[in-house]
Protein backbone atom coordinates (compact mmCIF):
# COMPACT_ATOMS: atom_id res chain seq x y z
CA ARG A 1 -140.24 135.83 147.45
CA PRO A 2 -143.04 137.37 149.58
CA ASN A 3 -146.36 135.53 149.63
CA PHE A 4 -148.45 138.59 149.27
CA ILE A 5 -147.80 142.15 148.34
CA TYR A 6 -148.98 145.05 149.81
CA LEU A 7 -149.60 148.93 148.40
CA SER A 8 -150.37 151.73 150.04
CA GLN A 9 -153.92 153.43 149.41
CA PRO A 10 -153.87 155.45 146.04
CA HIS A 11 -155.59 158.76 145.33
CA SER A 12 -158.55 157.26 143.61
CA THR A 13 -160.21 153.87 144.06
CA HIS A 14 -161.86 154.34 140.51
CA PHE A 15 -160.99 154.09 136.97
CA SER A 16 -162.51 152.50 133.78
CA LEU A 17 -161.72 150.65 130.60
CA GLN A 18 -162.59 150.86 126.87
CA SER A 19 -162.49 147.40 125.11
CA ASN A 20 -164.85 146.44 122.27
CA ASN A 21 -167.18 149.12 122.53
CA GLN A 22 -167.68 148.09 126.29
CA ARG A 23 -166.77 150.46 129.26
CA PHE A 24 -166.08 148.54 131.93
CA SER A 25 -166.46 150.65 135.36
CA LEU A 26 -164.22 149.35 138.06
CA CYS A 27 -166.10 151.35 140.99
CA PRO A 28 -166.14 148.79 143.80
CA PRO A 29 -169.29 147.06 143.97
CA LEU A 30 -171.28 148.22 146.98
CA SER A 31 -171.10 144.86 148.95
CA MET A 32 -167.37 145.15 149.13
CA ASP A 33 -165.85 146.16 152.37
CA LYS A 34 -162.99 148.39 151.26
CA GLU A 35 -160.92 147.87 154.43
CA ALA A 36 -160.82 144.34 154.50
CA ASP A 37 -160.47 143.47 150.56
CA PRO A 38 -156.84 143.39 149.30
CA PRO A 39 -155.98 146.75 146.88
CA PHE A 40 -156.53 144.26 143.43
CA GLN A 41 -157.53 147.67 141.41
CA GLN A 42 -154.52 149.29 142.63
CA LEU A 43 -152.35 146.24 141.83
CA TYR A 44 -153.60 145.30 138.37
CA LYS A 45 -154.49 148.82 136.97
CA THR A 46 -151.80 148.76 134.71
CA LEU A 47 -152.60 144.67 133.48
CA PHE A 48 -156.14 146.13 132.60
CA ASP A 49 -154.88 149.30 130.64
CA LYS A 50 -152.27 146.76 128.84
CA THR A 51 -154.48 144.03 127.84
CA VAL A 52 -156.99 146.62 126.25
CA GLU A 53 -153.92 147.77 123.99
CA GLN A 54 -153.34 144.21 123.13
CA ASN A 55 -156.02 142.49 122.84
CA PRO A 56 -159.53 144.76 122.58
CA THR A 57 -161.73 141.71 122.32
CA THR A 58 -163.14 139.85 124.77
CA ASP A 59 -162.32 136.47 123.93
CA ASN A 60 -162.02 135.48 127.51
CA MET A 61 -165.46 135.47 127.68
CA VAL A 62 -166.81 132.99 130.39
CA VAL A 63 -168.62 130.60 128.93
CA VAL A 64 -170.54 128.13 130.73
CA VAL A 65 -172.12 125.15 128.86
CA GLU A 66 -174.07 123.81 131.43
CA LYS A 67 -174.82 123.10 135.16
CA CYS A 68 -174.62 119.76 136.54
CA GLU A 69 -174.36 117.75 139.90
CA LEU A 70 -171.28 115.84 140.65
CA PRO A 71 -171.59 112.28 141.27
CA LEU A 72 -173.08 112.30 144.66
CA ILE A 73 -171.66 109.43 146.98
CA ASP A 74 -173.03 108.30 150.89
CA ILE A 75 -169.56 107.13 152.19
CA SER A 76 -171.29 105.99 155.13
CA ARG A 77 -172.13 102.70 153.21
CA LEU A 78 -168.28 102.16 153.72
CA ILE A 79 -169.49 100.55 157.04
CA HIS A 80 -171.81 98.49 156.36
CA ASP A 81 -172.34 95.00 155.20
CA GLU A 82 -169.50 93.78 152.08
CA VAL A 83 -171.69 94.27 149.37
CA GLU A 84 -172.72 97.94 150.05
CA ARG A 85 -169.36 98.58 151.29
CA GLU A 86 -167.93 97.35 147.09
CA GLU A 87 -170.13 98.78 145.81
CA CYS A 88 -169.69 102.18 147.56
CA LYS A 89 -165.44 101.93 146.79
CA GLU A 90 -166.81 100.93 142.86
CA GLU A 91 -168.79 104.04 142.78
CA ILE A 92 -165.84 106.20 144.37
CA ALA A 93 -163.10 104.67 141.78
CA ARG A 94 -165.45 105.04 138.96
CA ALA A 95 -166.22 108.71 139.73
CA SER A 96 -162.51 109.10 139.91
CA LYS A 97 -161.92 107.90 136.57
CA GLU A 98 -164.80 109.29 134.62
CA TRP A 99 -165.02 112.62 136.25
CA GLY A 100 -162.08 113.33 138.75
CA PHE A 101 -164.35 115.10 140.87
CA PHE A 102 -167.03 113.65 142.93
CA GLN A 103 -169.20 114.79 146.37
CA VAL A 104 -169.51 113.04 149.55
CA ILE A 105 -171.79 113.11 152.19
CA ASN A 106 -172.39 111.49 155.56
CA HIS A 107 -168.72 111.94 155.78
CA GLY A 108 -167.97 111.85 159.68
CA ILE A 109 -167.93 115.70 159.97
CA SER A 110 -170.90 117.59 161.59
CA LYS A 111 -173.00 120.45 160.04
CA GLU A 112 -172.10 122.31 163.33
CA ILE A 113 -168.61 121.94 162.69
CA LEU A 114 -168.69 123.34 159.06
CA GLU A 115 -171.08 125.85 160.08
CA LYS A 116 -168.61 127.09 162.68
CA MET A 117 -165.86 126.98 160.24
CA ARG A 118 -167.62 128.96 157.94
CA SER A 119 -168.91 131.58 160.33
CA GLU A 120 -165.02 131.61 161.93
CA GLN A 121 -163.70 131.87 158.16
CA VAL A 122 -165.85 134.62 157.29
CA LYS A 123 -164.64 136.89 160.72
CA VAL A 124 -161.13 136.08 159.94
CA PHE A 125 -161.48 137.87 156.13
CA LYS A 126 -163.53 140.67 157.28
CA GLN A 127 -160.22 141.98 159.36
CA PRO A 128 -158.81 145.12 157.83
CA PHE A 129 -156.05 144.29 155.11
CA LYS A 130 -153.74 145.76 156.60
CA LYS A 131 -154.03 143.44 159.82
CA LYS A 132 -154.52 140.07 157.70
CA SER A 133 -151.40 141.20 155.61
CA LYS A 134 -149.48 141.54 158.29
CA GLN A 135 -151.08 138.92 160.38
CA ASP A 136 -151.23 141.62 163.03
CA ASP A 137 -153.73 139.98 165.22
CA GLU A 138 -154.59 137.34 168.03
CA ASN A 139 -156.81 135.35 165.58
CA LEU A 140 -154.19 135.42 163.17
CA ASN A 141 -151.36 133.68 164.66
CA PHE A 142 -150.21 131.34 162.15
CA SER A 143 -146.69 130.88 160.01
CA ALA A 144 -145.18 133.96 158.40
CA GLY A 145 -146.51 133.65 154.68
CA THR A 146 -149.63 132.03 155.49
CA TYR A 147 -151.99 135.30 153.86
CA ARG A 148 -151.83 135.47 150.21
CA TRP A 149 -153.93 136.93 147.84
CA GLY A 150 -154.16 137.71 144.09
CA SER A 151 -151.72 136.53 141.25
CA PRO A 152 -147.86 138.54 141.87
CA THR A 153 -146.50 137.01 138.52
CA ALA A 154 -149.95 137.38 136.61
CA THR A 155 -148.52 139.42 133.09
CA CYS A 156 -152.45 139.54 131.57
CA LEU A 157 -156.29 139.56 132.74
CA LYS A 158 -156.68 135.67 131.96
CA GLU A 159 -153.89 135.33 134.91
CA ILE A 160 -155.30 137.27 137.41
CA SER A 161 -156.96 135.19 140.87
CA TRP A 162 -159.21 137.70 142.50
CA SER A 163 -159.33 135.90 145.55
CA GLU A 164 -157.65 135.67 148.96
CA ALA A 165 -156.63 132.70 151.42
CA PHE A 166 -154.78 131.57 154.30
CA HIS A 167 -152.68 128.76 153.71
CA ILE A 168 -152.48 126.89 156.82
CA SER A 169 -149.71 124.37 157.45
CA MET A 170 -151.18 121.10 159.41
CA THR A 171 -148.27 121.18 161.67
CA ASP A 172 -149.36 124.68 162.70
CA ILE A 173 -153.30 123.64 163.53
CA SER A 174 -151.96 120.45 165.71
CA ALA A 175 -149.13 122.70 167.67
CA SER A 176 -151.00 125.34 168.32
CA ASP A 177 -152.14 125.82 172.02
CA ASP A 178 -154.13 128.90 171.43
CA ALA A 179 -157.82 129.19 172.84
CA ASN A 180 -159.35 131.30 170.40
CA SER A 181 -162.26 130.48 168.27
CA LEU A 182 -160.75 130.13 165.04
CA SER A 183 -158.00 128.22 166.27
CA LEU A 184 -160.22 125.89 168.39
CA THR A 185 -162.69 125.42 165.53
CA ILE A 186 -159.85 124.65 162.76
CA GLN A 187 -158.73 121.81 165.49
CA GLN A 188 -162.19 120.53 165.50
CA PHE A 189 -162.17 120.11 161.58
CA ALA A 190 -158.68 119.63 161.08
CA PRO A 191 -158.43 115.95 162.11
CA ARG A 192 -161.85 114.62 160.82
CA VAL A 193 -161.33 116.35 157.29
CA THR A 194 -157.71 114.51 157.79
CA VAL A 195 -159.34 111.03 158.47
CA LEU A 196 -161.76 111.52 155.84
CA ALA A 197 -158.94 111.95 153.30
CA ASN A 198 -156.85 109.03 154.43
CA GLU A 199 -160.04 106.93 153.93
CA LEU A 200 -160.48 107.82 150.20
CA ALA A 201 -157.12 107.54 149.39
CA ASP A 202 -157.09 103.64 150.67
CA VAL A 203 -160.25 103.06 148.71
CA LEU A 204 -158.63 104.47 145.35
CA ALA A 205 -155.38 102.34 145.96
CA GLU A 206 -157.52 99.48 147.00
CA LYS A 207 -159.21 99.69 143.64
CA LEU A 208 -155.93 100.24 141.57
CA GLY A 209 -155.06 96.48 143.26
CA HIS A 210 -153.05 97.75 146.19
CA LYS A 211 -153.90 97.69 149.77
CA SER A 212 -151.17 100.47 150.60
CA THR A 213 -150.13 102.06 153.75
CA PHE A 214 -148.28 104.71 151.33
CA PHE A 215 -150.37 107.76 151.81
CA ARG A 216 -150.58 107.41 155.53
CA GLU A 217 -146.78 106.85 155.72
CA ASN A 218 -145.96 109.74 153.67
CA CYS A 219 -148.98 112.33 153.70
CA LEU A 220 -148.39 113.80 157.37
CA PRO A 221 -149.57 116.72 159.33
CA SER A 222 -145.97 118.27 158.56
CA THR A 223 -146.80 117.98 154.86
CA CYS A 224 -150.63 118.50 154.44
CA TYR A 225 -152.27 121.55 154.51
CA LEU A 226 -155.53 123.53 154.84
CA ARG A 227 -156.69 126.82 152.40
CA MET A 228 -159.24 128.66 153.86
CA ASN A 229 -160.60 131.15 150.50
CA ARG A 230 -162.71 134.19 150.25
CA TYR A 231 -163.48 135.24 146.47
CA PRO A 232 -164.69 139.10 146.77
CA PRO A 233 -167.18 140.89 144.16
CA CYS A 234 -165.11 141.30 141.03
CA PRO A 235 -166.44 144.47 139.13
CA ILE A 236 -165.25 142.59 136.01
CA PRO A 237 -166.66 139.12 136.34
CA SER A 238 -166.42 138.33 132.62
CA GLU A 239 -162.71 139.10 132.16
CA VAL A 240 -161.10 137.97 135.46
CA PHE A 241 -161.12 134.34 137.29
CA GLY A 242 -161.32 134.16 141.21
CA LEU A 243 -158.85 131.21 140.30
CA MET A 244 -157.65 130.95 137.26
CA PRO A 245 -158.01 127.37 135.34
CA HIS A 246 -155.28 124.68 137.19
CA THR A 247 -155.37 121.40 138.56
CA ASP A 248 -153.66 120.69 141.61
CA SER A 249 -150.77 119.84 142.69
CA ASP A 250 -151.69 116.85 145.46
CA PHE A 251 -152.72 113.27 145.49
CA LEU A 252 -156.49 114.33 146.80
CA THR A 253 -158.21 117.86 148.06
CA ILE A 254 -161.57 118.02 149.86
CA LEU A 255 -163.58 121.06 149.00
CA HIS A 256 -166.16 122.59 151.79
CA GLN A 257 -167.67 125.60 150.05
CA ASP A 258 -170.57 127.92 150.51
CA GLU A 259 -173.64 127.99 148.47
CA VAL A 260 -172.68 131.02 146.21
CA GLY A 261 -171.12 128.69 142.98
CA GLY A 262 -168.64 129.53 141.28
CA LEU A 263 -167.04 126.45 140.84
CA GLN A 264 -166.72 125.16 137.10
CA LEU A 265 -164.40 122.35 135.86
CA VAL A 266 -163.68 120.35 132.60
CA LYS A 267 -165.99 117.34 131.30
CA ASP A 268 -165.96 115.82 127.91
CA GLY A 269 -164.19 119.12 127.02
CA LYS A 270 -166.51 121.29 127.74
CA TRP A 271 -166.30 123.49 130.93
CA ILE A 272 -169.70 122.92 133.28
CA ALA A 273 -170.62 124.57 136.06
CA VAL A 274 -171.21 122.63 139.99
CA LYS A 275 -174.32 123.13 141.38
CA PRO A 276 -173.47 123.92 145.23
CA ASN A 277 -174.71 121.30 147.68
CA PRO A 278 -174.87 122.17 151.39
CA GLU A 279 -174.81 119.15 152.62
CA ALA A 280 -172.32 117.94 150.78
CA LEU A 281 -167.92 118.02 150.55
CA ILE A 282 -166.34 118.01 146.95
CA VAL A 283 -163.25 115.51 146.63
CA ASN A 284 -160.96 116.10 143.47
CA ILE A 285 -158.14 113.91 142.23
CA GLY A 286 -154.78 115.80 142.16
CA ASP A 287 -151.60 115.03 139.58
CA LEU A 288 -150.25 113.21 141.89
CA PHE A 289 -152.86 110.66 142.03
CA GLN A 290 -153.44 110.87 138.20
CA ALA A 291 -149.44 110.03 137.83
CA TRP A 292 -149.59 107.15 140.91
CA SER A 293 -152.44 106.06 139.03
CA ASN A 294 -150.39 105.97 135.29
CA ASN A 295 -153.47 107.89 134.41
CA VAL A 296 -156.55 105.71 135.59
CA TYR A 297 -157.60 108.24 137.76
CA LYS A 298 -158.10 112.08 136.32
CA SER A 299 -156.60 115.31 137.47
CA VAL A 300 -159.13 117.91 135.83
CA ASN A 301 -158.72 121.49 134.66
CA HIS A 302 -160.97 123.60 137.20
CA ARG A 303 -161.57 127.29 138.14
CA VAL A 304 -163.52 129.59 140.43
CA VAL A 305 -165.35 132.48 138.40
CA THR A 306 -166.20 135.91 139.76
CA ASN A 307 -169.28 137.03 141.01
CA PRO A 308 -170.49 141.11 140.61
CA SER A 309 -172.19 141.31 144.04
CA ALA A 310 -171.67 138.06 146.26
CA GLU A 311 -168.63 137.28 147.88
CA ARG A 312 -167.71 133.40 148.31
CA PHE A 313 -166.32 131.37 150.73
CA SER A 314 -164.59 127.61 150.84
CA THR A 315 -161.84 125.91 152.63
CA ALA A 316 -160.13 123.12 151.16
CA TYR A 317 -157.74 120.53 152.51
CA PHE A 318 -155.12 119.23 150.43
CA LEU A 319 -153.55 115.65 150.96
CA CYS A 320 -149.48 116.28 149.83
CA PRO A 321 -146.60 113.80 150.39
CA SER A 322 -142.82 115.03 151.75
CA HIS A 323 -140.82 117.04 149.41
CA ASP A 324 -138.65 113.94 149.32
CA THR A 325 -141.42 111.39 148.42
CA VAL A 326 -140.96 109.61 144.93
CA ILE A 327 -144.25 109.17 142.89
CA GLN A 328 -143.74 106.17 140.58
CA SER A 329 -146.48 104.69 138.60
CA ARG A 330 -148.10 101.44 140.05
CA TYR A 331 -148.40 100.00 136.77
CA GLN A 332 -146.00 99.32 133.49
CA PRO A 333 -144.91 100.78 131.17
CA SER A 334 -146.22 103.82 132.69
CA VAL A 335 -146.89 107.27 131.29
CA TYR A 336 -144.73 109.19 133.35
CA GLU A 337 -141.29 109.20 134.46
CA LYS A 338 -140.99 108.95 138.03
CA PHE A 339 -140.25 111.88 139.92
CA SER A 340 -140.24 113.71 144.03
CA PHE A 341 -142.56 116.17 145.12
CA ARG A 342 -140.14 118.43 145.43
CA GLN A 343 -139.42 118.45 141.92
CA TYR A 344 -142.70 118.12 140.65
CA LYS A 345 -143.22 121.88 142.75
CA GLN A 346 -140.13 123.25 141.27
CA LYS A 347 -141.04 122.47 137.86
CA VAL A 348 -144.75 124.28 138.80
CA GLN A 349 -143.32 127.08 140.31
CA GLU A 350 -140.54 127.83 136.94
CA ASP A 351 -143.62 127.60 134.78
CA VAL A 352 -145.27 130.00 136.57
CA GLN A 353 -143.09 132.46 136.98
CA LYS A 354 -141.73 131.88 133.32
CA LEU A 355 -145.20 131.06 131.65
CA GLY A 356 -148.00 133.03 133.71
CA TYR A 357 -149.90 129.74 134.07
CA LYS A 358 -148.77 125.72 135.70
CA VAL A 359 -147.86 123.12 132.80
CA GLY A 360 -147.78 120.26 135.30
CA LEU A 361 -147.90 116.71 134.83
CA PRO A 362 -147.25 116.94 130.61
CA ARG A 363 -143.63 117.83 132.35
CA PHE A 364 -142.87 114.72 133.18
CA LEU A 365 -144.23 112.30 130.44
CA CYS A 366 -142.07 109.34 129.46
CA ASN A 367 -140.20 110.53 126.14
CA GLY A 368 -142.40 113.93 126.43
CA THR A 369 -141.64 116.85 124.64
CA ALA A 370 -143.48 119.40 127.08
């Protein structure tokens, strides 16, 4: 199955839809780069038309209850005296239990590397779509299937992801001998974010009472990856997500984002918007850590909303194990059946293809019926 869909240019790049006395113009915002942007409007035209016919309401309007700042943790304290170190570890564990998300500062990745990573990311996404989709450029020397965009399985507006991304294996990075500026920058960023992810995973395991080498033994360069994201301006931001609500199918995710905003998460049953902090990296718990911790740490639903005029960039690192790694609760009685990462990914893929969305951990509840 291809990871992207390429469509030839249509005769017109403008259409509109009428719904509940509202007319949505689908002319591209002036700030959009027509050559760089994937052909979202052409691909999803029938979905817009179909949605209007079947559900002429605006029930999917994005409602933000409040904005918030995630728990902010200075992890340089992990190398201080014992009291500071233990307080820092406790803050990391508490945020993972109560929020599933937190921010870290003084994380060991310099501002210069992060800024360079962002500038190189912008340059590569500004390449014409034809080059990105075919990876036909010396700066895009990644494995086949690295470039992805949209949601090929979407059947309605709420399942669309108005975004494009490069999924880059850490193996590609470590094996690359390219001398272009993008590759060199990624080679600076990747090992540092890998060290950070392993340090945080070790802390979280320790706070469960397990000084474990599990993550360093199972989450290897061949199994972890980076994803560079771009969320183009969207002409109907109230109707379409940049990334639809989901949880992450990994142990930990570390995110570097720009200051545009758009990340939202569920807290106490409500959607809240995360205020960008240019000094911090965002960390969130994935499904595998929730299962491994027996629901002590929380993998929470999050999404990215679109913006009508501003594009958003982010880079995410995913701490993943090998496909054969068995995920088993550290406590008994276990909430979840044990499963391999391969089984988990296969079930997620099946659900997305059949239902249009991921079910995730409920599929593996002990005596569960999901």
